[in-house]
Amino acid sequence: MPAADCQLLNAELLISFMRKQFIFALCLVVAGSLSACSPRDLLTRRLAADLIEGSDAFRTPQALFVHTGVVSNKDYLSPESLVLQHHGWISATTAPCPAAIVPPPCWDVVLTPSGVETVRPLLVPAEEGKPSFSVPVARRELVAITGIAKQGSTADVEFIWHWIPLNEVGAAIYSSEGHYRTIALFRDYDDGWRLVESTTHSGQPLDEALKNAEPAQ
């Protein structure tokens, strides 16, 4: 083989070898980058929904506090109490006000037979026999993530949710037709995005945001 042909062949072999080495090195870099990525590195609507639905503040059922015995006129005329009265689950007669309750009038509230039949199955054993008790009546259900606004390492996530009644009492108080709008605060940490559930120096935690939810138009 002529010397010129040998030199050309060697050059082609060298180029082929270098190309393979470059591709191999590039594959290592890409693989390393992918392995270093966390599923929470990118704040998508799907991730935001998963974190909101998995949070304690969102998953904790809504409880109704029922007060029997002597209560203030304000408590007796509260929206929840009026619903219980309307369904015939509680009744009351006027009663003298204790020193701690002012101004009069006061009411002595009791569960009716229908109220006992409706409420008793909802009580946990520790609540039975108490003059004041709570019963779980509704849970939240996420409807949609409607927007994500990022500002550096934080983000506001707007979402729509509604109530799902858990029982007859819940259905009387909470309608599943009403939708509510809430904005949750997210923060980007070294291991990815997290939902802010506790009080911080900026922004409100999810439990407060849910309490301040506004009806969605």
Protein backbone atom coordinates (compact mmCIF):
# COMPACT_ATOMS: atom_id res chain seq x y z
CA MET A 1 0.00 0.00 0.00
CA PRO A 2 1.38 3.43 -0.91
CA ALA A 3 2.51 5.63 1.98
CA ALA A 4 -0.13 8.28 1.16
CA ASP A 5 -2.92 5.69 1.38
CA CYS A 6 -1.59 4.42 4.72
CA GLN A 7 -1.56 7.95 6.13
CA LEU A 8 -5.14 8.54 4.95
CA LEU A 9 -6.31 5.26 6.47
CA ASN A 10 -4.63 6.07 9.79
CA ALA A 11 -6.24 9.52 9.82
CA GLU A 12 -9.70 8.03 9.20
CA LEU A 13 -9.18 5.47 11.97
CA LEU A 14 -8.08 8.20 14.36
CA ILE A 15 -11.10 10.35 13.53
CA SER A 16 -13.45 7.37 13.99
CA PHE A 17 -11.84 6.56 17.35
CA MET A 18 -12.11 10.16 18.55
CA ARG A 19 -15.75 10.35 17.44
CA LYS A 20 -16.58 7.21 19.43
CA GLN A 21 -14.77 8.58 22.48
CA PHE A 22 -16.69 11.86 22.23
CA ILE A 23 -20.05 10.06 21.94
CA PHE A 24 -19.18 7.85 24.91
CA ALA A 25 -18.22 10.85 27.04
CA LEU A 26 -21.39 12.68 26.01
CA CYS A 27 -23.50 9.70 27.01
CA LEU A 28 -21.85 9.67 30.42
CA VAL A 29 -22.60 13.35 30.93
CA VAL A 30 -26.25 12.96 29.88
CA ALA A 31 -26.71 9.88 32.05
CA GLY A 32 -25.17 11.67 35.01
CA SER A 33 -27.41 14.67 34.50
CA LEU A 34 -30.52 12.51 34.31
CA SER A 35 -29.62 10.55 37.41
CA ALA A 36 -29.07 13.78 39.32
CA CYS A 37 -32.55 15.09 38.44
CA SER A 38 -35.34 14.78 41.01
CA PRO A 39 -39.02 14.36 40.07
CA ARG A 40 -39.60 17.56 42.06
CA ASP A 41 -37.00 19.70 40.26
CA LEU A 42 -39.66 21.04 37.86
CA LEU A 43 -42.84 22.49 39.37
CA THR A 44 -45.53 21.18 37.04
CA ARG A 45 -49.28 21.27 37.59
CA ARG A 46 -49.22 17.51 38.19
CA LEU A 47 -46.58 17.83 40.90
CA ALA A 48 -48.41 20.76 42.50
CA ALA A 49 -51.64 18.75 42.56
CA ASP A 50 -49.92 15.72 44.13
CA LEU A 51 -48.32 17.82 46.87
CA ILE A 52 -51.54 19.68 47.67
CA GLU A 53 -53.65 16.51 47.78
CA GLY A 54 -51.07 14.78 49.98
CA SER A 55 -50.79 17.58 52.52
CA ASP A 56 -52.26 17.24 56.02
CA ALA A 57 -54.06 20.57 55.76
CA PHE A 58 -55.92 19.50 52.62
CA ARG A 59 -56.61 15.89 53.65
CA THR A 60 -57.87 16.60 57.19
CA PRO A 61 -61.68 16.28 57.23
CA GLN A 62 -63.77 19.29 58.21
CA ALA A 63 -65.27 18.83 61.67
CA LEU A 64 -68.53 20.25 63.02
CA PHE A 65 -68.51 21.20 66.69
CA VAL A 66 -71.86 20.60 68.37
CA HIS A 67 -72.58 22.24 71.72
CA THR A 68 -75.39 21.01 73.96
CA GLY A 69 -76.36 22.38 77.37
CA VAL A 70 -76.49 26.12 78.01
CA VAL A 71 -75.11 28.19 75.13
CA SER A 72 -75.11 31.87 74.21
CA ASN A 73 -77.64 33.40 71.87
CA LYS A 74 -74.81 34.00 69.37
CA ASP A 75 -73.88 30.30 69.32
CA TYR A 76 -77.50 29.23 69.10
CA LEU A 77 -78.06 31.44 66.05
CA SER A 78 -74.82 30.47 64.24
CA PRO A 79 -75.28 29.20 60.66
CA GLU A 80 -74.37 25.62 61.62
CA SER A 81 -76.76 25.63 64.59
CA LEU A 82 -79.58 26.98 62.42
CA VAL A 83 -79.06 24.08 59.99
CA LEU A 84 -79.28 21.58 62.85
CA GLN A 85 -82.47 23.29 64.07
CA HIS A 86 -83.98 23.31 60.58
CA HIS A 87 -83.44 19.54 60.23
CA GLY A 88 -84.93 18.91 63.65
CA TRP A 89 -81.68 17.53 65.11
CA ILE A 90 -81.52 19.93 68.06
CA SER A 91 -84.08 21.84 70.10
CA ALA A 92 -83.74 24.39 72.89
CA THR A 93 -85.51 26.27 75.64
CA THR A 94 -84.52 29.57 77.21
CA ALA A 95 -82.31 29.26 80.27
CA PRO A 96 -80.58 31.57 82.80
CA CYS A 97 -77.16 32.64 81.58
CA PRO A 98 -74.10 31.57 83.57
CA ALA A 99 -71.82 34.39 84.71
CA ALA A 100 -69.36 33.58 81.93
CA ILE A 101 -71.95 34.03 79.16
CA VAL A 102 -73.19 37.54 78.38
CA PRO A 103 -75.39 39.10 77.20
CA PRO A 104 -78.65 37.15 77.61
CA PRO A 105 -80.66 35.36 76.43
CA CYS A 106 -79.16 31.88 76.74
CA TRP A 107 -80.45 28.57 75.47
CA ASP A 108 -80.43 25.05 76.86
CA VAL A 109 -79.73 22.91 73.79
CA VAL A 110 -80.46 19.18 73.54
CA LEU A 111 -80.30 16.64 70.75
CA THR A 112 -83.73 15.50 69.61
CA PRO A 113 -84.42 11.79 69.14
CA SER A 114 -83.83 12.33 65.41
CA GLY A 115 -80.58 14.14 66.23
CA VAL A 116 -79.37 11.32 68.45
CA GLU A 117 -80.18 8.79 65.72
CA THR A 118 -78.33 10.87 63.11
CA VAL A 119 -75.32 12.04 65.10
CA ARG A 120 -74.51 9.11 67.40
CA PRO A 121 -73.18 6.80 64.61
CA LEU A 122 -70.73 9.57 63.65
CA LEU A 123 -69.14 9.90 67.09
CA VAL A 124 -65.85 8.30 68.07
CA PRO A 125 -66.02 6.48 71.43
CA ALA A 126 -64.04 9.23 73.19
CA GLU A 127 -66.70 11.82 72.24
CA GLU A 128 -69.75 9.91 73.49
CA GLY A 129 -71.49 11.37 76.54
CA LYS A 130 -69.81 14.78 76.27
CA PRO A 131 -71.94 17.96 76.20
CA SER A 132 -69.76 19.31 73.39
CA PHE A 133 -68.35 17.10 70.68
CA SER A 134 -67.14 17.16 67.07
CA VAL A 135 -68.10 15.02 64.10
CA PRO A 136 -66.36 14.81 60.69
CA VAL A 137 -68.76 16.13 58.07
CA ALA A 138 -66.86 16.88 54.83
CA ARG A 139 -63.56 16.55 53.01
CA ARG A 140 -61.91 18.65 50.31
CA GLU A 141 -61.49 17.50 46.72
CA LEU A 142 -59.12 19.18 44.27
CA VAL A 143 -60.84 20.25 41.06
CA ALA A 144 -57.98 21.80 39.07
CA ILE A 145 -54.68 23.65 39.21
CA THR A 146 -55.46 26.93 37.44
CA GLY A 147 -52.09 28.68 37.41
CA ILE A 148 -48.47 28.75 38.59
CA ALA A 149 -46.60 32.04 39.09
CA LYS A 150 -42.89 31.60 39.87
CA GLN A 151 -40.70 34.25 41.49
CA GLY A 152 -37.16 32.89 41.86
CA SER A 153 -37.16 30.10 44.45
CA THR A 154 -40.85 30.54 45.37
CA ALA A 155 -44.09 30.08 43.50
CA ASP A 156 -47.77 30.82 43.98
CA VAL A 157 -50.03 28.00 42.84
CA GLU A 158 -53.68 28.81 42.33
CA PHE A 159 -56.16 25.94 42.52
CA ILE A 160 -59.89 25.25 42.69
CA TRP A 161 -61.45 22.82 45.18
CA HIS A 162 -64.84 21.90 46.60
CA TRP A 163 -66.37 20.08 49.55
CA ILE A 164 -67.45 16.44 49.47
CA PRO A 165 -69.97 15.69 52.27
CA LEU A 166 -69.14 12.60 54.30
CA ASN A 167 -72.59 12.01 55.78
CA GLU A 168 -76.12 13.40 56.14
CA VAL A 169 -75.02 16.18 58.47
CA GLY A 170 -72.26 17.22 56.11
CA ALA A 171 -74.65 17.25 53.15
CA ALA A 172 -76.93 19.62 55.06
CA ILE A 173 -74.11 22.13 55.68
CA TYR A 174 -71.60 21.77 52.82
CA SER A 175 -72.65 21.68 49.18
CA SER A 176 -70.42 20.00 46.63
CA GLU A 177 -71.66 22.48 44.02
CA GLY A 178 -69.76 25.44 45.47
CA HIS A 179 -66.16 25.83 44.24
CA TYR A 180 -63.45 27.73 46.08
CA ARG A 181 -60.23 29.38 44.93
CA THR A 182 -57.03 29.15 47.01
CA ILE A 183 -53.41 30.20 46.41
CA ALA A 184 -50.74 27.95 47.94
CA LEU A 185 -47.10 28.90 48.49
CA PHE A 186 -44.35 26.61 47.18
CA ARG A 187 -40.60 26.88 47.80
CA ASP A 188 -37.70 25.40 45.82
CA TYR A 189 -35.24 23.54 48.10
CA ASP A 190 -32.07 21.60 47.29
CA ASP A 191 -34.17 18.42 46.83
CA GLY A 192 -36.88 20.07 44.75
CA TRP A 193 -40.15 21.94 45.22
CA ARG A 194 -42.12 21.65 48.45
CA LEU A 195 -45.51 22.92 49.56
CA VAL A 196 -45.27 25.39 52.46
CA GLU A 197 -47.54 23.96 55.17
CA SER A 198 -46.19 25.79 58.24
CA THR A 199 -45.95 29.49 59.01
CA THR A 200 -42.98 31.27 57.41
CA HIS A 201 -41.71 34.83 57.35
CA SER A 202 -43.35 35.36 53.96
CA GLY A 203 -46.66 34.10 52.67
CA GLN A 204 -49.34 32.13 54.48
CA PRO A 205 -49.30 28.36 55.05
CA LEU A 206 -51.83 26.12 53.32
CA ASP A 207 -54.15 25.73 56.31
CA GLU A 208 -54.57 29.51 56.55
CA ALA A 209 -54.94 29.82 52.79
CA LEU A 210 -57.75 27.25 52.83
CA LYS A 211 -59.55 29.13 55.60
CA ASN A 212 -59.32 32.31 53.54
CA ALA A 213 -60.49 30.66 50.32
CA GLU A 214 -62.77 32.74 48.13
CA PRO A 215 -65.70 31.42 46.07
CA ALA A 216 -64.60 30.70 42.52
CA GLN A 217 -66.46 32.57 39.80
